[in-house]
N, C-alpha and C. Protein backbone atom coordinates (compact mmCIF):
# COMPACT_ATOMS: atom_id res chain seq x y z
N UNK A 1 11.08 -7.72 18.78
CA UNK A 1 9.63 -7.77 18.80
C UNK A 1 9.10 -7.22 17.48
N UNK A 2 8.16 -7.92 16.90
CA UNK A 2 7.60 -7.52 15.62
C UNK A 2 6.33 -6.70 15.82
N UNK A 3 6.23 -5.57 15.13
CA UNK A 3 5.03 -4.75 15.21
C UNK A 3 3.94 -5.37 14.36
N UNK A 4 2.72 -5.34 14.86
CA UNK A 4 1.57 -5.83 14.10
C UNK A 4 0.98 -4.67 13.32
N UNK A 5 0.81 -4.87 12.03
CA UNK A 5 0.20 -3.85 11.18
C UNK A 5 -1.31 -4.00 11.29
N UNK A 6 -1.99 -2.88 11.58
CA UNK A 6 -3.43 -2.91 11.78
C UNK A 6 -4.14 -2.10 10.70
N UNK A 7 -5.45 -2.36 10.54
CA UNK A 7 -6.25 -1.59 9.60
C UNK A 7 -6.17 -0.11 9.96
N UNK A 8 -6.08 0.72 8.93
CA UNK A 8 -6.01 2.18 9.01
C UNK A 8 -4.65 2.71 9.46
N UNK A 9 -3.66 1.82 9.63
CA UNK A 9 -2.30 2.29 9.88
C UNK A 9 -1.79 3.00 8.63
N UNK A 10 -0.99 4.01 8.83
CA UNK A 10 -0.33 4.72 7.73
C UNK A 10 1.03 4.08 7.53
N UNK A 11 1.33 3.72 6.28
CA UNK A 11 2.61 3.07 5.97
C UNK A 11 3.31 3.81 4.84
N UNK A 12 4.62 3.64 4.76
CA UNK A 12 5.42 4.23 3.68
C UNK A 12 6.31 3.14 3.10
N UNK A 13 6.47 3.16 1.79
CA UNK A 13 7.33 2.17 1.13
C UNK A 13 8.80 2.51 1.35
N UNK A 14 9.59 1.50 1.59
CA UNK A 14 11.03 1.69 1.77
C UNK A 14 11.80 1.39 0.49
N UNK A 15 11.11 0.90 -0.52
CA UNK A 15 11.72 0.64 -1.83
C UNK A 15 10.63 0.65 -2.90
N UNK A 16 11.03 0.84 -4.16
CA UNK A 16 10.08 0.77 -5.27
C UNK A 16 9.58 -0.67 -5.39
N UNK A 17 8.28 -0.82 -5.65
CA UNK A 17 7.73 -2.16 -5.88
C UNK A 17 6.71 -2.12 -7.01
N UNK A 18 6.56 -3.25 -7.67
CA UNK A 18 5.50 -3.41 -8.65
C UNK A 18 4.35 -4.12 -7.95
N UNK A 19 3.15 -3.59 -8.11
CA UNK A 19 1.96 -4.17 -7.49
C UNK A 19 0.89 -4.34 -8.55
N UNK A 20 -0.23 -4.92 -8.15
CA UNK A 20 -1.36 -5.10 -9.05
C UNK A 20 -2.49 -4.19 -8.60
N UNK A 21 -3.01 -3.38 -9.52
CA UNK A 21 -4.13 -2.49 -9.21
C UNK A 21 -5.35 -3.34 -8.87
N UNK A 22 -6.02 -3.04 -7.76
CA UNK A 22 -7.11 -3.89 -7.28
C UNK A 22 -8.33 -3.90 -8.19
N UNK A 23 -8.53 -2.85 -8.99
CA UNK A 23 -9.70 -2.79 -9.86
C UNK A 23 -9.39 -3.25 -11.28
N UNK A 24 -8.30 -2.71 -11.84
CA UNK A 24 -7.97 -3.02 -13.24
C UNK A 24 -7.11 -4.27 -13.38
N UNK A 25 -6.50 -4.71 -12.28
CA UNK A 25 -5.59 -5.86 -12.26
C UNK A 25 -4.36 -5.64 -13.13
N UNK A 26 -4.08 -4.40 -13.46
CA UNK A 26 -2.89 -4.05 -14.24
C UNK A 26 -1.72 -3.80 -13.29
N UNK A 27 -0.50 -4.08 -13.73
CA UNK A 27 0.66 -3.78 -12.88
C UNK A 27 0.86 -2.27 -12.74
N UNK A 28 1.23 -1.85 -11.55
CA UNK A 28 1.53 -0.44 -11.30
C UNK A 28 2.85 -0.36 -10.53
N UNK A 29 3.59 0.72 -10.74
CA UNK A 29 4.85 0.93 -10.02
C UNK A 29 4.59 1.88 -8.87
N UNK A 30 4.89 1.42 -7.67
CA UNK A 30 4.78 2.26 -6.48
C UNK A 30 6.20 2.64 -6.07
N UNK A 31 6.39 3.91 -5.78
CA UNK A 31 7.73 4.46 -5.52
C UNK A 31 8.07 4.52 -4.04
N UNK A 32 9.36 4.36 -3.75
CA UNK A 32 9.85 4.50 -2.38
C UNK A 32 9.37 5.83 -1.80
N UNK A 33 8.91 5.79 -0.55
CA UNK A 33 8.43 6.99 0.12
C UNK A 33 6.94 7.23 -0.05
N UNK A 34 6.33 6.52 -0.99
CA UNK A 34 4.90 6.71 -1.21
C UNK A 34 4.13 6.23 0.02
N UNK A 35 3.12 7.01 0.42
CA UNK A 35 2.35 6.74 1.63
C UNK A 35 1.06 6.01 1.27
N UNK A 36 0.61 5.17 2.19
CA UNK A 36 -0.64 4.45 1.98
C UNK A 36 -1.32 4.14 3.30
N UNK A 37 -2.60 3.82 3.21
CA UNK A 37 -3.39 3.45 4.37
C UNK A 37 -3.76 1.97 4.26
N UNK A 38 -3.51 1.22 5.32
CA UNK A 38 -3.85 -0.20 5.34
C UNK A 38 -5.37 -0.33 5.43
N UNK A 39 -5.95 -1.03 4.45
CA UNK A 39 -7.40 -1.24 4.43
C UNK A 39 -7.78 -2.62 4.97
N UNK A 40 -6.89 -3.60 4.76
CA UNK A 40 -7.21 -4.96 5.19
C UNK A 40 -5.92 -5.75 5.35
N UNK A 41 -5.93 -6.63 6.33
CA UNK A 41 -4.80 -7.54 6.56
C UNK A 41 -5.27 -8.97 6.30
N UNK A 42 -4.42 -9.74 5.65
CA UNK A 42 -4.70 -11.15 5.40
C UNK A 42 -3.72 -11.97 6.23
N UNK A 43 -4.10 -12.18 7.50
CA UNK A 43 -3.27 -12.94 8.45
C UNK A 43 -1.84 -12.42 8.57
N UNK A 44 -1.66 -11.10 8.44
CA UNK A 44 -0.35 -10.46 8.55
C UNK A 44 0.63 -10.97 7.49
N UNK A 45 0.14 -11.64 6.46
CA UNK A 45 0.99 -12.15 5.38
C UNK A 45 0.92 -11.27 4.15
N UNK A 46 -0.23 -10.65 3.93
CA UNK A 46 -0.45 -9.75 2.79
C UNK A 46 -1.42 -8.67 3.24
N UNK A 47 -1.39 -7.53 2.53
CA UNK A 47 -2.20 -6.39 2.95
C UNK A 47 -2.81 -5.70 1.74
N UNK A 48 -4.02 -5.20 1.92
CA UNK A 48 -4.65 -4.33 0.92
C UNK A 48 -4.39 -2.91 1.41
N UNK A 49 -3.64 -2.14 0.61
CA UNK A 49 -3.24 -0.79 1.00
C UNK A 49 -3.65 0.19 -0.08
N UNK A 50 -4.25 1.29 0.33
CA UNK A 50 -4.63 2.36 -0.59
C UNK A 50 -3.49 3.36 -0.63
N UNK A 51 -2.73 3.36 -1.73
CA UNK A 51 -1.61 4.29 -1.89
C UNK A 51 -2.10 5.53 -2.62
N UNK A 52 -1.60 6.69 -2.18
CA UNK A 52 -2.00 7.95 -2.79
C UNK A 52 -0.77 8.73 -3.25
N UNK A 53 -1.02 9.70 -4.14
CA UNK A 53 0.07 10.57 -4.56
C UNK A 53 0.19 11.74 -3.59
N UNK A 54 1.02 12.72 -3.91
CA UNK A 54 1.25 13.86 -3.01
C UNK A 54 0.01 14.71 -2.80
N UNK A 55 -0.97 14.61 -3.71
CA UNK A 55 -2.21 15.38 -3.58
C UNK A 55 -3.31 14.58 -2.90
N UNK A 56 -3.00 13.34 -2.51
CA UNK A 56 -4.00 12.51 -1.84
C UNK A 56 -4.88 11.73 -2.79
N UNK A 57 -4.52 11.69 -4.08
CA UNK A 57 -5.30 10.96 -5.07
C UNK A 57 -4.80 9.51 -5.11
N UNK A 58 -5.73 8.56 -5.08
CA UNK A 58 -5.38 7.15 -5.12
C UNK A 58 -4.58 6.83 -6.37
N UNK A 59 -3.52 6.04 -6.20
CA UNK A 59 -2.65 5.66 -7.32
C UNK A 59 -3.42 4.84 -8.34
N UNK A 60 -3.12 5.10 -9.61
CA UNK A 60 -3.78 4.35 -10.69
C UNK A 60 -2.87 3.29 -11.22
């Protein structure tokens, strides 16, 4: 059974990934273990997630 990811779910990365910053459109490296909050789901195919550092500051 597959879990459905919902808005405001807390997620953690299981591997390092390169993503695109939503404001600057620049590539950013997100590290394994980094936590984020799901802000929006696009038909469970893609997600807008706000990732933060250990101090709770949004990743740049």
